[in-house]
PDB file of N, CA and C in Angstrom:
ATOM      1  N   MET A   1       0.817  -1.193   0.000  1.00  0.00           N
ATOM      2  CA  MET A   1       0.000   0.000   0.000  1.00  0.00           C
ATOM      3  C   MET A   1       0.863   1.260   0.000  1.00  0.00           C
ATOM      4  N   GLN A   2       1.972   1.229   0.732  1.00  0.00           N
ATOM      5  CA  GLN A   2       2.858   2.383   0.762  1.00  0.00           C
ATOM      6  C   GLN A   2       3.446   2.666  -0.618  1.00  0.00           C
ATOM      7  N   GLU A   3       3.815   1.602  -1.321  1.00  0.00           N
ATOM      8  CA  GLU A   3       4.380   1.757  -2.660  1.00  0.00           C
ATOM      9  C   GLU A   3       3.335   2.346  -3.614  1.00  0.00           C
ATOM     10  N   PHE A   4       2.105   1.906  -3.482  1.00  0.00           N
ATOM     11  CA  PHE A   4       1.016   2.422  -4.312  1.00  0.00           C
ATOM     12  C   PHE A   4       0.794   3.913  -4.052  1.00  0.00           C
ATOM     13  N   ASP A   5       0.819   4.299  -2.786  1.00  0.00           N
ATOM     14  CA  ASP A   5       0.662   5.710  -2.424  1.00  0.00           C
ATOM     15  C   ASP A   5       1.819   6.541  -2.976  1.00  0.00           C
ATOM     16  N   ALA A   6       3.023   5.992  -2.932  1.00  0.00           N
ATOM     17  CA  ALA A   6       4.194   6.692  -3.458  1.00  0.00           C
ATOM     18  C   ALA A   6       4.075   6.890  -4.971  1.00  0.00           C
ATOM     19  N   ILE A   7       3.567   5.887  -5.660  1.00  0.00           N
ATOM     20  CA  ILE A   7       3.365   5.993  -7.106  1.00  0.00           C
ATOM     21  C   ILE A   7       2.316   7.058  -7.410  1.00  0.00           C
ATOM     22  N   ASN A   8       1.234   7.069  -6.648  1.00  0.00           N
ATOM     23  CA  ASN A   8       0.195   8.090  -6.848  1.00  0.00           C
ATOM     24  C   ASN A   8       0.750   9.491  -6.611  1.00  0.00           C
ATOM     25  N   GLU A   9       1.594   9.642  -5.614  1.00  0.00           N
ATOM     26  CA  GLU A   9       2.211  10.948  -5.348  1.00  0.00           C
ATOM     27  C   GLU A   9       3.143  11.339  -6.488  1.00  0.00           C
ATOM     28  N   SER A  10       3.894  10.390  -7.008  1.00  0.00           N
ATOM     29  CA  SER A  10       4.783  10.663  -8.146  1.00  0.00           C
ATOM     30  C   SER A  10       3.985  11.062  -9.379  1.00  0.00           C
ATOM     31  N   ILE A  11       2.863  10.399  -9.588  1.00  0.00           N
ATOM     32  CA  ILE A  11       1.986  10.743 -10.712  1.00  0.00           C
ATOM     33  C   ILE A  11       1.480  12.174 -10.561  1.00  0.00           C
ATOM     34  N   LYS A  12       1.081  12.519  -9.362  1.00  0.00           N
ATOM     35  CA  LYS A  12       0.587  13.878  -9.090  1.00  0.00           C
ATOM     36  C   LYS A  12       1.682  14.913  -9.377  1.00  0.00           C
ATOM     37  N   GLN A  13       2.896  14.650  -8.913  1.00  0.00           N
ATOM     38  CA  GLN A  13       4.009  15.574  -9.139  1.00  0.00           C
ATOM     39  C   GLN A  13       4.346  15.688 -10.622  1.00  0.00           C
ATOM     40  N   SER A  14       4.350  14.564 -11.317  1.00  0.00           N
ATOM     41  CA  SER A  14       4.635  14.591 -12.754  1.00  0.00           C
ATOM     42  C   SER A  14       3.601  15.423 -13.500  1.00  0.00           C
ATOM     43  N   LYS A  15       2.341  15.266 -13.134  1.00  0.00           N
ATOM     44  CA  LYS A  15       1.273  16.026 -13.782  1.00  0.00           C
ATOM     45  C   LYS A  15       1.426  17.526 -13.528  1.00  0.00           C
ATOM     46  N   GLU A  16       1.865  17.896 -12.333  1.00  0.00           N
ATOM     47  CA  GLU A  16       2.078  19.312 -12.012  1.00  0.00           C
ATOM     48  C   GLU A  16       3.214  19.892 -12.858  1.00  0.00           C
ATOM     49  N   ILE A  17       4.278  19.132 -13.026  1.00  0.00           N
ATOM     50  CA  ILE A  17       5.410  19.583 -13.841  1.00  0.00           C
ATOM     51  C   ILE A  17       4.984  19.728 -15.295  1.00  0.00           C
ATOM     52  N   ILE A  18       4.234  18.758 -15.793  1.00  0.00           N
ATOM     53  CA  ILE A  18       3.744  18.800 -17.174  1.00  0.00           C
ATOM     54  C   ILE A  18       2.821  20.000 -17.370  1.00  0.00           C
ATOM     55  N   GLU A  19       1.998  20.283 -16.374  1.00  0.00           N
ATOM     56  CA  GLU A  19       1.087  21.426 -16.453  1.00  0.00           C
ATOM     57  C   GLU A  19       1.865  22.739 -16.594  1.00  0.00           C
ATOM     58  N   LYS A  20       2.954  22.883 -15.849  1.00  0.00           N
ATOM     59  CA  LYS A  20       3.789  24.093 -15.954  1.00  0.00           C
ATOM     60  C   LYS A  20       4.442  24.187 -17.328  1.00  0.00           C
ATOM     61  N   ALA A  21       4.956  23.072 -17.816  1.00  0.00           N
ATOM     62  CA  ALA A  21       5.588  23.071 -19.139  1.00  0.00           C
ATOM     63  C   ALA A  21       4.566  23.427 -20.216  1.00  0.00           C
ATOM     64  N   ASP A  22       3.380  22.860 -20.117  1.00  0.00           N
ATOM     65  CA  ASP A  22       2.319  23.175 -21.077  1.00  0.00           C
ATOM     66  C   ASP A  22       1.944  24.654 -21.017  1.00  0.00           C
ATOM     67  N   ALA A  23       1.964  25.220 -19.821  1.00  0.00           N
ATOM     68  CA  ALA A  23       1.653  26.643 -19.662  1.00  0.00           C
ATOM     69  C   ALA A  23       2.696  27.500 -20.376  1.00  0.00           C
ATOM     70  N   ILE A  24       3.955  27.117 -20.293  1.00  0.00           N
ATOM     71  CA  ILE A  24       5.003  27.876 -20.984  1.00  0.00           C
ATOM     72  C   ILE A  24       4.824  27.761 -22.500  1.00  0.00           C
ATOM     73  N   VAL A  25       4.476  26.582 -22.978  1.00  0.00           N
ATOM     74  CA  VAL A  25       4.217  26.413 -24.409  1.00  0.00           C
ATOM     75  C   VAL A  25       3.083  27.339 -24.840  1.00  0.00           C
ATOM     76  N   ARG A  26       2.022  27.404 -24.038  1.00  0.00           N
ATOM     77  CA  ARG A  26       0.901  28.300 -24.364  1.00  0.00           C
ATOM     78  C   ARG A  26       1.341  29.756 -24.316  1.00  0.00           C
ATOM     79  N   LEU A  27       2.139  30.102 -23.297  1.00  0.00           N
ATOM     80  CA  LEU A  27       2.636  31.481 -23.203  1.00  0.00           C
ATOM     81  C   LEU A  27       3.433  31.866 -24.438  1.00  0.00           C
ATOM     82  N   LYS A  28       4.307  30.971 -24.872  1.00  0.00           N
ATOM     83  CA  LYS A  28       5.158  31.282 -26.020  1.00  0.00           C
ATOM     84  C   LYS A  28       4.373  31.493 -27.302  1.00  0.00           C
ATOM     85  N   SER A  29       3.156  30.971 -27.372  1.00  0.00           N
ATOM     86  CA  SER A  29       2.343  31.165 -28.565  1.00  0.00           C
ATOM     87  C   SER A  29       1.387  32.356 -28.407  1.00  0.00           C
ATOM     88  N   ASN A  30       1.363  32.948 -27.221  1.00  0.00           N
ATOM     89  CA  ASN A  30       0.496  34.089 -26.937  1.00  0.00           C
ATOM     90  C   ASN A  30       1.096  35.354 -27.555  1.00  0.00           C
ATOM     91  N   ALA A  31       0.289  36.116 -28.282  1.00  0.00           N
ATOM     92  CA  ALA A  31       0.764  37.323 -28.969  1.00  0.00           C
ATOM     93  C   ALA A  31       1.334  38.352 -27.995  1.00  0.00           C
ATOM     94  N   ASP A  32       0.713  38.514 -26.836  1.00  0.00           N
ATOM     95  CA  ASP A  32       1.215  39.483 -25.855  1.00  0.00           C
ATOM     96  C   ASP A  32       2.571  39.059 -25.298  1.00  0.00           C
ATOM     97  N   PHE A  33       2.718  37.756 -25.022  1.00  0.00           N
ATOM     98  CA  PHE A  33       4.002  37.246 -24.529  1.00  0.00           C
ATOM     99  C   PHE A  33       5.079  37.476 -25.581  1.00  0.00           C
ATOM    100  N   LYS A  34       4.736  37.194 -26.836  1.00  0.00           N
ATOM    101  CA  LYS A  34       5.706  37.407 -27.922  1.00  0.00           C
ATOM    102  C   LYS A  34       6.122  38.866 -28.001  1.00  0.00           C
ATOM    103  N   LEU A  35       5.144  39.764 -27.930  1.00  0.00           N
ATOM    104  CA  LEU A  35       5.427  41.191 -28.038  1.00  0.00           C
ATOM    105  C   LEU A  35       6.263  41.704 -26.872  1.00  0.00           C
ATOM    106  N   VAL A  36       5.822  41.420 -25.659  1.00  0.00           N
ATOM    107  CA  VAL A  36       6.456  41.995 -24.474  1.00  0.00           C
ATOM    108  C   VAL A  36       7.719  41.243 -24.049  1.00  0.00           C
ATOM    109  N   ILE A  37       7.657  39.927 -24.015  1.00  0.00           N
ATOM    110  CA  ILE A  37       8.783  39.145 -23.489  1.00  0.00           C
ATOM    111  C   ILE A  37       9.772  38.765 -24.579  1.00  0.00           C
ATOM    112  N   GLN A  38       9.304  38.048 -25.603  1.00  0.00           N
ATOM    113  CA  GLN A  38      10.233  37.548 -26.613  1.00  0.00           C
ATOM    114  C   GLN A  38      10.841  38.665 -27.456  1.00  0.00           C
ATOM    115  N   ASP A  39      10.012  39.561 -27.981  1.00  0.00           N
ATOM    116  CA  ASP A  39      10.528  40.576 -28.890  1.00  0.00           C
ATOM    117  C   ASP A  39      11.151  41.769 -28.174  1.00  0.00           C
ATOM    118  N   ASP A  40      10.555  42.174 -27.064  1.00  0.00           N
ATOM    119  CA  ASP A  40      11.089  43.349 -26.369  1.00  0.00           C
ATOM    120  C   ASP A  40      12.118  42.972 -25.310  1.00  0.00           C
ATOM    121  N   TYR A  41      11.689  42.264 -24.276  1.00  0.00           N
ATOM    122  CA  TYR A  41      12.589  41.974 -23.145  1.00  0.00           C
ATOM    123  C   TYR A  41      13.785  41.112 -23.536  1.00  0.00           C
ATOM    124  N   LEU A  42      13.516  39.999 -24.219  1.00  0.00           N
ATOM    125  CA  LEU A  42      14.604  39.067 -24.514  1.00  0.00           C
ATOM    126  C   LEU A  42      15.450  39.472 -25.716  1.00  0.00           C
ATOM    127  N   LYS A  43      14.969  40.396 -26.513  1.00  0.00           N
ATOM    128  CA  LYS A  43      15.757  40.842 -27.663  1.00  0.00           C
ATOM    129  C   LYS A  43      16.218  42.283 -27.491  1.00  0.00           C
ATOM    130  N   GLU A  44      15.279  43.206 -27.551  1.00  0.00           N
ATOM    131  CA  GLU A  44      15.636  44.628 -27.521  1.00  0.00           C
ATOM    132  C   GLU A  44      16.267  45.054 -26.192  1.00  0.00           C
ATOM    133  N   TYR A  45      15.585  44.728 -25.107  1.00  0.00           N
ATOM    134  CA  TYR A  45      16.088  45.121 -23.787  1.00  0.00           C
ATOM    135  C   TYR A  45      17.425  44.453 -23.494  1.00  0.00           C
ATOM    136  N   ALA A  46      17.514  43.140 -23.764  1.00  0.00           N
ATOM    137  CA  ALA A  46      18.762  42.406 -23.516  1.00  0.00           C
ATOM    138  C   ALA A  46      19.893  42.964 -24.372  1.00  0.00           C
ATOM    139  N   ALA A  47      19.613  43.260 -25.628  1.00  0.00           N
ATOM    140  CA  ALA A  47      20.644  43.831 -26.512  1.00  0.00           C
ATOM    141  C   ALA A  47      21.083  45.198 -25.999  1.00  0.00           C
ATOM    142  N   GLY A  48      20.127  45.978 -25.500  1.00  0.00           N
ATOM    143  CA  GLY A  48      20.470  47.284 -24.933  1.00  0.00           C
ATOM    144  C   GLY A  48      21.381  47.155 -23.716  1.00  0.00           C
ATOM    145  N   LEU A  49      21.137  46.152 -22.882  1.00  0.00           N
ATOM    146  CA  LEU A  49      22.010  45.924 -21.728  1.00  0.00           C
ATOM    147  C   LEU A  49      23.423  45.566 -22.166  1.00  0.00           C
ATOM    148  N   VAL A  50      23.519  44.695 -23.140  1.00  0.00           N
ATOM    149  CA  VAL A  50      24.844  44.287 -23.636  1.00  0.00           C
ATOM    150  C   VAL A  50      25.554  45.476 -24.275  1.00  0.00           C
ATOM    151  N   TYR A  51      24.825  46.271 -25.018  1.00  0.00           N
ATOM    152  CA  TYR A  51      25.412  47.468 -25.627  1.00  0.00           C
ATOM    153  C   TYR A  51      25.913  48.421 -24.544  1.00  0.00           C
ATOM    154  N   SER A  52      25.098  48.616 -23.505  1.00  0.00           N
ATOM    155  CA  SER A  52      25.514  49.488 -22.392  1.00  0.00           C
ATOM    156  C   SER A  52      26.753  48.935 -21.700  1.00  0.00           C
ATOM    157  N   LYS A  53      26.797  47.640 -21.554  1.00  0.00           N
ATOM    158  CA  LYS A  53      27.958  46.988 -20.928  1.00  0.00           C
ATOM    159  C   LYS A  53      29.219  47.248 -21.754  1.00  0.00           C
ATOM    160  N   ALA A  54      29.068  47.242 -23.061  1.00  0.00           N
ATOM    161  CA  ALA A  54      30.220  47.446 -23.943  1.00  0.00           C
ATOM    162  C   ALA A  54      30.721  48.887 -23.913  1.00  0.00           C
ATOM    163  N   ARG A  55      29.871  49.831 -23.551  1.00  0.00           N
ATOM    164  CA  ARG A  55      30.281  51.236 -23.481  1.00  0.00           C
ATOM    165  C   ARG A  55      30.907  51.518 -22.113  1.00  0.00           C
ATOM    166  N   ILE A  56      31.972  50.864 -21.848  1.00  0.00           N
ATOM    167  CA  ILE A  56      32.617  50.919 -20.532  1.00  0.00           C
ATOM    168  C   ILE A  56      33.221  52.294 -20.223  1.00  0.00           C
ATOM    169  N   TYR A  57      33.491  53.083 -21.223  1.00  0.00           N
ATOM    170  CA  TYR A  57      34.186  54.354 -21.029  1.00  0.00           C
ATOM    171  C   TYR A  57      33.453  55.340 -20.128  1.00  0.00           C
ATOM    172  N   ASN A  58      32.150  55.236 -20.005  1.00  0.00           N
ATOM    173  CA  ASN A  58      31.431  56.191 -19.166  1.00  0.00           C
ATOM    174  C   ASN A  58      30.765  55.539 -17.956  1.00  0.00           C
ATOM    175  N   GLN A  59      31.324  54.390 -17.507  1.00  0.00           N
ATOM    176  CA  GLN A  59      30.732  53.694 -16.378  1.00  0.00           C
ATOM    177  C   GLN A  59      31.804  53.301 -15.368  1.00  0.00           C
ATOM    178  N   ASP A  60      31.417  53.397 -14.104  1.00  0.00           N
ATOM    179  CA  ASP A  60      32.339  52.945 -13.065  1.00  0.00           C
ATOM    180  C   ASP A  60      32.046  51.470 -12.741  1.00  0.00           C
ATOM    181  N   ASP A  61      32.804  50.924 -11.801  1.00  0.00           N
ATOM    182  CA  ASP A  61      32.647  49.510 -11.447  1.00  0.00           C
ATOM    183  C   ASP A  61      31.240  49.189 -10.932  1.00  0.00           C
ATOM    184  N   LYS A  62      30.656  50.106 -10.180  1.00  0.00           N
ATOM    185  CA  LYS A  62      29.320  49.883  -9.637  1.00  0.00           C
ATOM    186  C   LYS A  62      28.293  49.759 -10.769  1.00  0.00           C
ATOM    187  N   GLN A  63      28.382  50.626 -11.753  1.00  0.00           N
ATOM    188  CA  GLN A  63      27.462  50.567 -12.884  1.00  0.00           C
ATOM    189  C   GLN A  63      27.685  49.298 -13.705  1.00  0.00           C
ATOM    190  N   GLN A  64      28.941  48.894 -13.867  1.00  0.00           N
ATOM    191  CA  GLN A  64      29.251  47.667 -14.600  1.00  0.00           C
ATOM    192  C   GLN A  64      28.676  46.445 -13.877  1.00  0.00           C
ATOM    193  N   LYS A  65      28.800  46.416 -12.550  1.00  0.00           N
ATOM    194  CA  LYS A  65      28.248  45.295 -11.781  1.00  0.00           C
ATOM    195  C   LYS A  65      26.724  45.261 -11.882  1.00  0.00           C
ATOM    196  N   ALA A  66      26.104  46.422 -11.874  1.00  0.00           N
ATOM    197  CA  ALA A  66      24.647  46.475 -12.012  1.00  0.00           C
ATOM    198  C   ALA A  66      24.226  45.925 -13.374  1.00  0.00           C
ATOM    199  N   LEU A  67      24.934  46.297 -14.414  1.00  0.00           N
ATOM    200  CA  LEU A  67      24.635  45.770 -15.750  1.00  0.00           C
ATOM    201  C   LEU A  67      24.856  44.266 -15.805  1.00  0.00           C
ATOM    202  N   ASP A  68      25.937  43.806 -15.186  1.00  0.00           N
ATOM    203  CA  ASP A  68      26.205  42.365 -15.139  1.00  0.00           C
ATOM    204  C   ASP A  68      25.018  41.621 -14.501  1.00  0.00           C
ATOM    205  N   GLY A  69      24.518  42.176 -13.409  1.00  0.00           N
ATOM    206  CA  GLY A  69      23.394  41.554 -12.723  1.00  0.00           C
ATOM    207  C   GLY A  69      22.141  41.528 -13.583  1.00  0.00           C
ATOM    208  N   GLN A  70      21.890  42.605 -14.310  1.00  0.00           N
ATOM    209  CA  GLN A  70      20.714  42.657 -15.180  1.00  0.00           C
ATOM    210  C   GLN A  70      20.850  41.661 -16.338  1.00  0.00           C
ATOM    211  N   ILE A  71      22.024  41.583 -16.915  1.00  0.00           N
ATOM    212  CA  ILE A  71      22.262  40.635 -18.010  1.00  0.00           C
ATOM    213  C   ILE A  71      22.087  39.209 -17.502  1.00  0.00           C
ATOM    214  N   LEU A  72      22.632  38.923 -16.326  1.00  0.00           N
ATOM    215  CA  LEU A  72      22.452  37.590 -15.736  1.00  0.00           C
ATOM    216  C   LEU A  72      20.987  37.298 -15.456  1.00  0.00           C
ATOM    217  N   GLY A  73      20.250  38.311 -15.033  1.00  0.00           N
ATOM    218  CA  GLY A  73      18.821  38.136 -14.768  1.00  0.00           C
ATOM    219  C   GLY A  73      18.072  37.703 -16.017  1.00  0.00           C
ATOM    220  N   VAL A  74      18.373  38.319 -17.140  1.00  0.00           N
ATOM    221  CA  VAL A  74      17.739  37.932 -18.400  1.00  0.00           C
ATOM    222  C   VAL A  74      18.100  36.479 -18.721  1.00  0.00           C
ATOM    223  N   GLY A  75      19.379  36.150 -18.578  1.00  0.00           N
ATOM    224  CA  GLY A  75      19.831  34.785 -18.857  1.00  0.00           C
ATOM    225  C   GLY A  75      19.182  33.764 -17.946  1.00  0.00           C
ATOM    226  N   HIS A  76      19.040  34.096 -16.680  1.00  0.00           N
ATOM    227  CA  HIS A  76      18.412  33.163 -15.728  1.00  0.00           C
ATOM    228  C   HIS A  76      16.937  32.945 -16.053  1.00  0.00           C
ATOM    229  N   PHE A  77      16.275  33.995 -16.523  1.00  0.00           N
ATOM    230  CA  PHE A  77      14.872  33.851 -16.901  1.00  0.00           C
ATOM    231  C   PHE A  77      14.725  32.874 -18.062  1.00  0.00           C
ATOM    232  N   VAL A  78      15.553  33.035 -19.087  1.00  0.00           N
ATOM    233  CA  VAL A  78      15.512  32.122 -20.237  1.00  0.00           C
ATOM    234  C   VAL A  78      15.865  30.708 -19.792  1.00  0.00           C
ATOM    235  N   GLN A  79      16.857  30.603 -18.935  1.00  0.00           N
ATOM    236  CA  GLN A  79      17.273  29.289 -18.430  1.00  0.00           C
ATOM    237  C   GLN A  79      16.128  28.625 -17.649  1.00  0.00           C
ATOM    238  N   TYR A  80      15.389  29.398 -16.874  1.00  0.00           N
ATOM    239  CA  TYR A  80      14.259  28.856 -16.127  1.00  0.00           C
ATOM    240  C   TYR A  80      13.187  28.304 -17.072  1.00  0.00           C
ATOM    241  N   LEU A  81      12.858  29.083 -18.103  1.00  0.00           N
ATOM    242  CA  LEU A  81      11.856  28.614 -19.071  1.00  0.00           C
ATOM    243  C   LEU A  81      12.307  27.310 -19.721  1.00  0.00           C
ATOM    244  N   ASP A  82      13.565  27.252 -20.125  1.00  0.00           N
ATOM    245  CA  ASP A  82      14.100  26.037 -20.742  1.00  0.00           C
ATOM    246  C   ASP A  82      14.085  24.862 -19.771  1.00  0.00           C
ATOM    247  N   MET A  83      14.421  25.125 -18.510  1.00  0.00           N
ATOM    248  CA  MET A  83      14.452  24.072 -17.495  1.00  0.00           C
ATOM    249  C   MET A  83      13.052  23.474 -17.289  1.00  0.00           C
ATOM    250  N   VAL A  84      12.035  24.333 -17.223  1.00  0.00           N
ATOM    251  CA  VAL A  84      10.669  23.856 -17.023  1.00  0.00           C
ATOM    252  C   VAL A  84      10.214  23.033 -18.225  1.00  0.00           C
ATOM    253  N   LEU A  85      10.555  23.469 -19.439  1.00  0.00           N
ATOM    254  CA  LEU A  85      10.190  22.713 -20.633  1.00  0.00           C
ATOM    255  C   LEU A  85      10.866  21.349 -20.656  1.00  0.00           C
ATOM    256  N   THR A  86      12.145  21.314 -20.295  1.00  0.00           N
ATOM    257  CA  THR A  86      12.877  20.046 -20.243  1.00  0.00           C
ATOM    258  C   THR A  86      12.303  19.130 -19.173  1.00  0.00           C
ATOM    259  N   ALA A  87      11.998  19.699 -18.023  1.00  0.00           N
ATOM    260  CA  ALA A  87      11.401  18.905 -16.948  1.00  0.00           C
ATOM    261  C   ALA A  87      10.049  18.342 -17.376  1.00  0.00           C
ATOM    262  N   GLY A  88       9.315  19.085 -18.185  1.00  0.00           N
ATOM    263  CA  GLY A  88       8.030  18.609 -18.673  1.00  0.00           C
ATOM    264  C   GLY A  88       8.171  17.393 -19.570  1.00  0.00           C
ATOM    265  N   VAL A  89       9.175  17.396 -20.419  1.00  0.00           N
ATOM    266  CA  VAL A  89       9.424  16.240 -21.294  1.00  0.00           C
ATOM    267  C   VAL A  89       9.799  15.023 -20.453  1.00  0.00           C
ATOM    268  N   THR A  90      10.675  15.237 -19.484  1.00  0.00           N
ATOM    269  CA  THR A  90      11.099  14.146 -18.593  1.00  0.00           C
ATOM    270  C   THR A  90       9.914  13.625 -17.787  1.00  0.00           C
ATOM    271  N   ALA A  91       9.093  14.537 -17.286  1.00  0.00           N
ATOM    272  CA  ALA A  91       7.933  14.145 -16.480  1.00  0.00           C
ATOM    273  C   ALA A  91       6.912  13.374 -17.306  1.00  0.00           C
ATOM    274  N   GLN A  92       6.793  13.707 -18.579  1.00  0.00           N
ATOM    275  CA  GLN A  92       5.838  12.989 -19.432  1.00  0.00           C
ATOM    276  C   GLN A  92       6.248  11.524 -19.553  1.00  0.00           C
ATOM    277  N   THR A  93       7.532  11.288 -19.752  1.00  0.00           N
ATOM    278  CA  THR A  93       8.035   9.913 -19.829  1.00  0.00           C
ATOM    279  C   THR A  93       7.855   9.206 -18.491  1.00  0.00           C
ATOM    280  N   ALA A  94       8.188   9.894 -17.412  1.00  0.00           N
ATOM    281  CA  ALA A  94       8.039   9.307 -16.074  1.00  0.00           C
ATOM    282  C   ALA A  94       6.573   8.992 -15.787  1.00  0.00           C
ATOM    283  N   LEU A  95       5.682   9.888 -16.186  1.00  0.00           N
ATOM    284  CA  LEU A  95       4.257   9.690 -15.950  1.00  0.00           C
ATOM    285  C   LEU A  95       3.758   8.419 -16.631  1.00  0.00           C
ATOM    286  N   GLU A  96       4.183   8.216 -17.847  1.00  0.00           N
ATOM    287  CA  GLU A  96       3.769   6.999 -18.564  1.00  0.00           C
ATOM    288  C   GLU A  96       4.232   5.753 -17.814  1.00  0.00           C
ATOM    289  N   ASP A  97       5.469   5.772 -17.336  1.00  0.00           N
ATOM    290  CA  ASP A  97       6.000   4.634 -16.577  1.00  0.00           C
ATOM    291  C   ASP A  97       5.259   4.452 -15.254  1.00  0.00           C
ATOM    292  N   GLN A  98       4.990   5.549 -14.571  1.00  0.00           N
ATOM    293  CA  GLN A  98       4.304   5.488 -13.282  1.00  0.00           C
ATOM    294  C   GLN A  98       2.872   4.964 -13.435  1.00  0.00           C
ATOM    295  N   GLU A  99       2.191   5.432 -14.464  1.00  0.00           N
ATOM    296  CA  GLU A  99       0.822   4.960 -14.680  1.00  0.00           C
ATOM    297  C   GLU A  99       0.805   3.480 -15.065  1.00  0.00           C
ATOM    298  N   TYR A 100       1.780   3.041 -15.831  1.00  0.00           N
ATOM    299  CA  TYR A 100       1.891   1.625 -16.187  1.00  0.00           C
ATOM    300  C   TYR A 100       2.108   0.790 -14.925  1.00  0.00           C
ATOM    301  N   GLU A 101       3.009   1.278 -14.062  1.00  0.00           N
ATOM    302  CA  GLU A 101       3.302   0.554 -12.817  1.00  0.00           C
ATOM    303  C   GLU A 101       2.075   0.507 -11.904  1.00  0.00           C
ATOM    304  N   ARG A 102       1.360   1.596 -11.819  1.00  0.00           N
ATOM    305  CA  ARG A 102       0.151   1.640 -10.982  1.00  0.00           C
ATOM    306  C   ARG A 102      -0.905   0.673 -11.524  1.00  0.00           C
ATOM    307  N   THR A 103      -1.083   0.670 -12.828  1.00  0.00           N
ATOM    308  CA  THR A 103      -2.047  -0.252 -13.443  1.00  0.00           C
ATOM    309  C   THR A 103      -1.656  -1.696 -13.182  1.00  0.00           C
ATOM    310  N   ALA A 104      -0.372  -1.999 -13.301  1.00  0.00           N
ATOM    311  CA  ALA A 104       0.109  -3.364 -13.045  1.00  0.00           C
ATOM    312  C   ALA A 104      -0.161  -3.769 -11.601  1.00  0.00           C
ATOM    313  N   MET A 105       0.061  -2.851 -10.671  1.00  0.00           N
ATOM    314  CA  MET A 105      -0.195  -3.158  -9.264  1.00  0.00           C
ATOM    315  C   MET A 105      -1.676  -3.425  -9.022  1.00  0.00           C
ATOM    316  N   LEU A 106      -2.523  -2.642  -9.667  1.00  0.00           N
ATOM    317  CA  LEU A 106      -3.972  -2.848  -9.509  1.00  0.00           C
ATOM    318  C   LEU A 106      -4.404  -4.189 -10.093  1.00  0.00           C
ATOM    319  N   GLN A 107      -3.867  -4.520 -11.249  1.00  0.00           N
ATOM    320  CA  GLN A 107      -4.231  -5.790 -11.890  1.00  0.00           C
ATOM    321  C   GLN A 107      -3.724  -7.000 -11.118  1.00  0.00           C
ATOM    322  N   GLU A 108      -2.571  -6.850 -10.482  1.00  0.00           N
ATOM    323  CA  GLU A 108      -1.999  -7.957  -9.728  1.00  0.00           C
ATOM    324  C   GLU A 108      -2.570  -8.040  -8.305  1.00  0.00           C
ATOM    325  N   GLY A 109      -3.388  -7.071  -7.946  1.00  0.00           N
ATOM    326  CA  GLY A 109      -4.006  -7.089  -6.624  1.00  0.00           C
ATOM    327  C   GLY A 109      -3.038  -6.761  -5.515  1.00  0.00           C
ATOM    328  N   LYS A 110      -2.033  -5.945  -5.787  1.00  0.00           N
ATOM    329  CA  LYS A 110      -1.027  -5.613  -4.767  1.00  0.00           C
ATOM    330  C   LYS A 110      -1.470  -4.499  -3.827  1.00  0.00           C
ATOM    331  N   ILE A 111      -2.664  -4.032  -3.999  1.00  0.00           N
ATOM    332  CA  ILE A 111      -3.130  -2.980  -3.071  1.00  0.00           C
ATOM    333  C   ILE A 111      -4.346  -3.435  -2.308  1.00  0.00           C
TER     334      ILE A 111
END
């Protein structure tokens, strides 16, 4: 019974991860997300930060560190989106295995 409960909990967690990944897929196809995040923030704004970073002649160390932090922030955001999408693919495979195992346990009368 404990193993069955653990499988059910794993199924629940996998479904939650898949739900987040699916949400990101929907966001990426949303016109507002494309306009504000993909086209502006991840392209124009990020390019502006890199350009500002390259103009070192009028910035002190504090300003350079602030730009570094902003550039890293953009990178971490993209990395987070990619991580959730990858986790969704992994969770989909795990979910199929978990559901197969749960079905086998039910058929064998192990619960």
